[in-house]
């Protein structure tokens, strides 16, 4: 979805910095790529680049937990149970500066149940301008496939359903919404 969003923004003539983990997708022509491999690297990269953007779209599905300790090499198999202690990852959206923010913040909420309730809660808790909710409980839309369907929730209230379509189509619709919101924000300031 992130690559489709980057392509859509480029198609509309905008500059794009794409922060990406390892994927088997070509980098959209014209995008500046920032490579990361961990949630901690993503956190650092976002905070390094976010203040230079007009709209920040966070669609990465970052795990909520990571191993407490990382082994420097392969661990030998042992008999018996093995426990892997986990610790929470940093919440990137919630960590963004909230005061005097000049850029729009668009988050994603990948949910398996209570999609609308959870998305609205995240919209406000993470101080997003927009949150895009998608139901990832099935295997036919969302992650690891070419189709998606989403509901866009707005901070000021209201929502917009984007029906099932290819991710590139969904991305164009999302970017239209983002650009309209940004234009409204500029109009309010002048």
C-alpha atoms as a PDB file:
ATOM      1  CA  UNK A   1       0.000   0.000   0.000  1.00  0.00           C
ATOM      2  CA  UNK A   2       2.863   2.359   0.783  1.00  0.00           C
ATOM      3  CA  UNK A   3       4.359   1.925  -2.660  1.00  0.00           C
ATOM      4  CA  UNK A   4       0.956   2.504  -4.269  1.00  0.00           C
ATOM      5  CA  UNK A   5       0.519   5.688  -2.203  1.00  0.00           C
ATOM      6  CA  UNK A   6       3.989   6.889  -3.214  1.00  0.00           C
ATOM      7  CA  UNK A   7       3.176   6.257  -6.886  1.00  0.00           C
ATOM      8  CA  UNK A   8      -0.129   8.111  -6.584  1.00  0.00           C
ATOM      9  CA  UNK A   9       1.522  11.140  -4.968  1.00  0.00           C
ATOM     10  CA  UNK A  10       4.162  11.182  -7.707  1.00  0.00           C
ATOM     11  CA  UNK A  11       1.451  10.941 -10.389  1.00  0.00           C
ATOM     12  CA  UNK A  12      -0.153  14.046  -8.875  1.00  0.00           C
ATOM     13  CA  UNK A  13       3.199  15.855  -9.152  1.00  0.00           C
ATOM     14  CA  UNK A  14       4.349  15.793  -5.537  1.00  0.00           C
ATOM     15  CA  UNK A  15       7.772  15.079  -4.077  1.00  0.00           C
ATOM     16  CA  UNK A  16       7.915  11.770  -2.237  1.00  0.00           C
ATOM     17  CA  UNK A  17      10.239  10.358   0.385  1.00  0.00           C
ATOM     18  CA  UNK A  18       9.469   6.657   0.773  1.00  0.00           C
ATOM     19  CA  UNK A  19      10.688   5.023   3.973  1.00  0.00           C
ATOM     20  CA  UNK A  20      10.643   1.300   3.343  1.00  0.00           C
ATOM     21  CA  UNK A  21      11.700  -1.989   4.777  1.00  0.00           C
ATOM     22  CA  UNK A  22      12.951  -4.787   2.526  1.00  0.00           C
ATOM     23  CA  UNK A  23      10.389  -5.560  -0.178  1.00  0.00           C
ATOM     24  CA  UNK A  24      10.419  -7.131  -3.628  1.00  0.00           C
ATOM     25  CA  UNK A  25       8.854  -4.075  -5.281  1.00  0.00           C
ATOM     26  CA  UNK A  26      10.492  -1.564  -7.603  1.00  0.00           C
ATOM     27  CA  UNK A  27      10.962   1.894  -6.125  1.00  0.00           C
ATOM     28  CA  UNK A  28       8.534   4.302  -7.805  1.00  0.00           C
ATOM     29  CA  UNK A  29      10.446   6.447 -10.273  1.00  0.00           C
ATOM     30  CA  UNK A  30      11.129   9.840  -8.747  1.00  0.00           C
ATOM     31  CA  UNK A  31      10.758   8.793  -5.097  1.00  0.00           C
ATOM     32  CA  UNK A  32      13.599   9.284  -2.638  1.00  0.00           C
ATOM     33  CA  UNK A  33      14.083   5.964  -0.874  1.00  0.00           C
ATOM     34  CA  UNK A  34      15.125   5.651   2.759  1.00  0.00           C
ATOM     35  CA  UNK A  35      15.867   2.009   3.584  1.00  0.00           C
ATOM     36  CA  UNK A  36      15.153   0.597   7.034  1.00  0.00           C
ATOM     37  CA  UNK A  37      15.020  -2.927   8.476  1.00  0.00           C
ATOM     38  CA  UNK A  38      13.562  -2.493  11.964  1.00  0.00           C
ATOM     39  CA  UNK A  39      10.853  -0.631  13.845  1.00  0.00           C
ATOM     40  CA  UNK A  40      13.558   1.363  15.641  1.00  0.00           C
ATOM     41  CA  UNK A  41      15.100   2.410  12.317  1.00  0.00           C
ATOM     42  CA  UNK A  42      11.652   3.393  11.048  1.00  0.00           C
ATOM     43  CA  UNK A  43      11.098   5.511  14.158  1.00  0.00           C
ATOM     44  CA  UNK A  44      14.402   7.331  13.601  1.00  0.00           C
ATOM     45  CA  UNK A  45      13.838   7.822   9.863  1.00  0.00           C
ATOM     46  CA  UNK A  46      10.333   9.207  10.382  1.00  0.00           C
ATOM     47  CA  UNK A  47      11.535  11.719  12.963  1.00  0.00           C
ATOM     48  CA  UNK A  48      14.405  12.735  10.690  1.00  0.00           C
ATOM     49  CA  UNK A  49      12.161  13.438   7.675  1.00  0.00           C
ATOM     50  CA  UNK A  50       8.693  14.340   8.990  1.00  0.00           C
ATOM     51  CA  UNK A  51       9.283  18.060   9.547  1.00  0.00           C
ATOM     52  CA  UNK A  52      10.139  18.549   5.872  1.00  0.00           C
ATOM     53  CA  UNK A  53       6.823  17.204   4.575  1.00  0.00           C
ATOM     54  CA  UNK A  54       3.388  18.649   3.923  1.00  0.00           C
ATOM     55  CA  UNK A  55       1.659  15.311   4.506  1.00  0.00           C
ATOM     56  CA  UNK A  56       2.946  12.304   6.402  1.00  0.00           C
ATOM     57  CA  UNK A  57       1.240   9.024   5.525  1.00  0.00           C
ATOM     58  CA  UNK A  58       2.063   6.163   7.883  1.00  0.00           C
ATOM     59  CA  UNK A  59       0.782   2.911   6.453  1.00  0.00           C
ATOM     60  CA  UNK A  60       3.500   0.602   7.774  1.00  0.00           C
ATOM     61  CA  UNK A  61       2.196  -2.343   9.757  1.00  0.00           C
ATOM     62  CA  UNK A  62       4.730  -2.127  12.544  1.00  0.00           C
ATOM     63  CA  UNK A  63       4.525  -4.932  15.049  1.00  0.00           C
ATOM     64  CA  UNK A  64       3.359  -3.861  18.485  1.00  0.00           C
ATOM     65  CA  UNK A  65       6.105  -5.944  20.119  1.00  0.00           C
ATOM     66  CA  UNK A  66       9.707  -6.921  19.465  1.00  0.00           C
ATOM     67  CA  UNK A  67      12.104  -9.342  21.169  1.00  0.00           C
ATOM     68  CA  UNK A  68      13.505  -7.899  24.372  1.00  0.00           C
ATOM     69  CA  UNK A  69      16.992  -9.120  23.438  1.00  0.00           C
ATOM     70  CA  UNK A  70      18.401 -10.013  20.042  1.00  0.00           C
ATOM     71  CA  UNK A  71      20.907 -12.828  19.772  1.00  0.00           C
ATOM     72  CA  UNK A  72      24.046 -11.925  17.797  1.00  0.00           C
ATOM     73  CA  UNK A  73      23.919 -15.265  15.970  1.00  0.00           C
ATOM     74  CA  UNK A  74      21.693 -18.288  15.401  1.00  0.00           C
ATOM     75  CA  UNK A  75      20.602 -19.939  18.623  1.00  0.00           C
ATOM     76  CA  UNK A  76      21.076 -23.685  18.828  1.00  0.00           C
ATOM     77  CA  UNK A  77      17.980 -25.817  19.259  1.00  0.00           C
ATOM     78  CA  UNK A  78      17.373 -26.912  22.832  1.00  0.00           C
ATOM     79  CA  UNK A  79      15.094 -29.499  24.378  1.00  0.00           C
ATOM     80  CA  UNK A  80      12.035 -28.282  26.224  1.00  0.00           C
ATOM     81  CA  UNK A  81      10.063 -25.064  26.104  1.00  0.00           C
ATOM     82  CA  UNK A  82      11.646 -21.867  24.998  1.00  0.00           C
ATOM     83  CA  UNK A  83      10.422 -18.442  26.027  1.00  0.00           C
ATOM     84  CA  UNK A  84      10.863 -15.305  23.980  1.00  0.00           C
ATOM     85  CA  UNK A  85      10.416 -12.190  26.136  1.00  0.00           C
ATOM     86  CA  UNK A  86       8.846  -9.310  24.206  1.00  0.00           C
ATOM     87  CA  UNK A  87       8.791  -5.583  24.777  1.00  0.00           C
ATOM     88  CA  UNK A  88       6.508  -2.978  23.172  1.00  0.00           C
ATOM     89  CA  UNK A  89       7.803  -1.132  20.121  1.00  0.00           C
ATOM     90  CA  UNK A  90       7.649   2.659  20.120  1.00  0.00           C
ATOM     91  CA  UNK A  91       4.395   4.063  18.746  1.00  0.00           C
ATOM     92  CA  UNK A  92       5.589   6.160  15.830  1.00  0.00           C
ATOM     93  CA  UNK A  93       2.319   8.006  15.149  1.00  0.00           C
ATOM     94  CA  UNK A  94       1.757   8.853  18.805  1.00  0.00           C
ATOM     95  CA  UNK A  95       5.353  10.101  19.097  1.00  0.00           C
ATOM     96  CA  UNK A  96       4.993  12.834  16.472  1.00  0.00           C
ATOM     97  CA  UNK A  97       5.093  16.419  17.702  1.00  0.00           C
ATOM     98  CA  UNK A  98       1.594  17.771  18.278  1.00  0.00           C
ATOM     99  CA  UNK A  99       2.169  21.478  18.843  1.00  0.00           C
ATOM    100  CA  UNK A 100       2.581  23.802  15.852  1.00  0.00           C
ATOM    101  CA  UNK A 101       2.488  20.929  13.410  1.00  0.00           C
ATOM    102  CA  UNK A 102       2.503  22.202   9.820  1.00  0.00           C
ATOM    103  CA  UNK A 103       1.968  18.843   8.127  1.00  0.00           C
ATOM    104  CA  UNK A 104      -1.035  16.543   7.874  1.00  0.00           C
ATOM    105  CA  UNK A 105      -0.817  13.186   9.615  1.00  0.00           C
ATOM    106  CA  UNK A 106      -2.527  10.233   7.961  1.00  0.00           C
ATOM    107  CA  UNK A 107      -2.446   6.945   9.826  1.00  0.00           C
ATOM    108  CA  UNK A 108      -3.632   3.459   9.014  1.00  0.00           C
ATOM    109  CA  UNK A 109      -5.487   1.124  11.336  1.00  0.00           C
ATOM    110  CA  UNK A 110      -5.259  -2.530  10.352  1.00  0.00           C
ATOM    111  CA  UNK A 111      -7.980  -4.199  12.391  1.00  0.00           C
ATOM    112  CA  UNK A 112      -9.476  -7.677  12.707  1.00  0.00           C
ATOM    113  CA  UNK A 113     -12.646  -6.701  14.617  1.00  0.00           C
ATOM    114  CA  UNK A 114     -14.523  -3.593  15.761  1.00  0.00           C
ATOM    115  CA  UNK A 115     -12.888  -1.787  12.850  1.00  0.00           C
ATOM    116  CA  UNK A 116     -14.731   1.542  13.084  1.00  0.00           C
ATOM    117  CA  UNK A 117     -14.563   1.781  16.891  1.00  0.00           C
ATOM    118  CA  UNK A 118     -10.851   0.971  16.983  1.00  0.00           C
ATOM    119  CA  UNK A 119     -10.030   3.312  14.110  1.00  0.00           C
ATOM    120  CA  UNK A 120     -11.853   6.274  15.657  1.00  0.00           C
ATOM    121  CA  UNK A 121     -10.106   5.640  18.961  1.00  0.00           C
ATOM    122  CA  UNK A 122      -6.693   5.584  17.232  1.00  0.00           C
ATOM    123  CA  UNK A 123      -7.549   8.695  15.206  1.00  0.00           C
ATOM    124  CA  UNK A 124      -7.821  10.743  18.389  1.00  0.00           C
ATOM    125  CA  UNK A 125      -5.310   8.923  20.595  1.00  0.00           C
ATOM    126  CA  UNK A 126      -2.574   9.285  17.994  1.00  0.00           C
ATOM    127  CA  UNK A 127      -3.583  12.840  17.026  1.00  0.00           C
ATOM    128  CA  UNK A 128      -4.062  12.050  13.339  1.00  0.00           C
ATOM    129  CA  UNK A 129      -5.887  14.301  10.910  1.00  0.00           C
ATOM    130  CA  UNK A 130      -7.157  11.220   9.061  1.00  0.00           C
ATOM    131  CA  UNK A 131      -7.030   7.514   9.753  1.00  0.00           C
ATOM    132  CA  UNK A 132      -7.565   4.868   7.103  1.00  0.00           C
ATOM    133  CA  UNK A 133      -9.116   1.691   8.502  1.00  0.00           C
ATOM    134  CA  UNK A 134      -8.947  -1.657   6.823  1.00  0.00           C
ATOM    135  CA  UNK A 135     -10.236  -5.011   7.970  1.00  0.00           C
ATOM    136  CA  UNK A 136      -7.358  -7.487   7.780  1.00  0.00           C
ATOM    137  CA  UNK A 137      -9.247 -10.442   9.216  1.00  0.00           C
ATOM    138  CA  UNK A 138      -9.559 -12.086   5.797  1.00  0.00           C
ATOM    139  CA  UNK A 139      -6.932 -13.019   3.268  1.00  0.00           C
ATOM    140  CA  UNK A 140      -8.560 -11.475   0.191  1.00  0.00           C
ATOM    141  CA  UNK A 141      -7.938  -7.763   0.939  1.00  0.00           C
ATOM    142  CA  UNK A 142      -5.399  -5.691   2.815  1.00  0.00           C
ATOM    143  CA  UNK A 143      -2.011  -7.155   3.488  1.00  0.00           C
ATOM    144  CA  UNK A 144      -0.138  -9.430   1.106  1.00  0.00           C
ATOM    145  CA  UNK A 145      -2.585  -8.984  -1.773  1.00  0.00           C
ATOM    146  CA  UNK A 146      -3.263  -6.478  -4.551  1.00  0.00           C
ATOM    147  CA  UNK A 147      -6.772  -5.466  -3.417  1.00  0.00           C
ATOM    148  CA  UNK A 148      -7.955  -3.433  -0.489  1.00  0.00           C
ATOM    149  CA  UNK A 149     -11.054  -1.702   0.797  1.00  0.00           C
ATOM    150  CA  UNK A 150     -10.912   1.016   3.401  1.00  0.00           C
ATOM    151  CA  UNK A 151     -12.892   3.490   5.432  1.00  0.00           C
ATOM    152  CA  UNK A 152     -11.432   6.972   5.852  1.00  0.00           C
ATOM    153  CA  UNK A 153     -12.197   8.647   9.199  1.00  0.00           C
ATOM    154  CA  UNK A 154     -11.694  12.399   9.572  1.00  0.00           C
ATOM    155  CA  UNK A 155     -10.647  14.230  12.739  1.00  0.00           C
ATOM    156  CA  UNK A 156     -13.427  16.788  12.279  1.00  0.00           C
ATOM    157  CA  UNK A 157     -15.936  13.960  11.985  1.00  0.00           C
ATOM    158  CA  UNK A 158     -17.380  12.029   9.123  1.00  0.00           C
ATOM    159  CA  UNK A 159     -16.094   9.132   7.140  1.00  0.00           C
ATOM    160  CA  UNK A 160     -15.771   7.972   3.556  1.00  0.00           C
ATOM    161  CA  UNK A 161     -15.918   4.378   2.362  1.00  0.00           C
ATOM    162  CA  UNK A 162     -13.610   3.435  -0.500  1.00  0.00           C
ATOM    163  CA  UNK A 163     -14.949   0.147  -1.876  1.00  0.00           C
ATOM    164  CA  UNK A 164     -12.850  -2.856  -2.826  1.00  0.00           C
ATOM    165  CA  UNK A 165     -10.422  -2.094  -5.627  1.00  0.00           C
ATOM    166  CA  UNK A 166      -6.785  -2.533  -6.621  1.00  0.00           C
ATOM    167  CA  UNK A 167      -4.418  -0.845  -4.180  1.00  0.00           C
ATOM    168  CA  UNK A 168      -3.330   1.628  -6.866  1.00  0.00           C
ATOM    169  CA  UNK A 169      -6.942   2.805  -7.230  1.00  0.00           C
ATOM    170  CA  UNK A 170      -7.386   3.026  -3.451  1.00  0.00           C
ATOM    171  CA  UNK A 171      -4.101   4.943  -3.195  1.00  0.00           C
ATOM    172  CA  UNK A 172      -5.237   7.545  -5.746  1.00  0.00           C
ATOM    173  CA  UNK A 173      -8.486   8.071  -3.835  1.00  0.00           C
ATOM    174  CA  UNK A 174      -6.618   8.428  -0.538  1.00  0.00           C
ATOM    175  CA  UNK A 175      -4.147  10.898  -2.024  1.00  0.00           C
ATOM    176  CA  UNK A 176      -7.009  12.997  -3.474  1.00  0.00           C
ATOM    177  CA  UNK A 177      -8.447  13.206   0.044  1.00  0.00           C
ATOM    178  CA  UNK A 178      -5.065  14.125   1.527  1.00  0.00           C
ATOM    179  CA  UNK A 179      -4.469  16.869  -1.052  1.00  0.00           C
ATOM    180  CA  UNK A 180      -7.976  18.296  -0.549  1.00  0.00           C
ATOM    181  CA  UNK A 181      -7.419  18.432   3.220  1.00  0.00           C
ATOM    182  CA  UNK A 182      -4.045  20.089   2.769  1.00  0.00           C
ATOM    183  CA  UNK A 183      -5.539  22.713   0.423  1.00  0.00           C
ATOM    184  CA  UNK A 184      -8.288  23.431   2.970  1.00  0.00           C
ATOM    185  CA  UNK A 185      -5.662  23.865   5.659  1.00  0.00           C
ATOM    186  CA  UNK A 186      -3.751  26.361   3.485  1.00  0.00           C
ATOM    187  CA  UNK A 187      -6.952  28.276   2.727  1.00  0.00           C
ATOM    188  CA  UNK A 188      -7.755  28.575   6.449  1.00  0.00           C
ATOM    189  CA  UNK A 189      -4.317  30.064   7.148  1.00  0.00           C
ATOM    190  CA  UNK A 190      -4.575  32.778   4.499  1.00  0.00           C
END
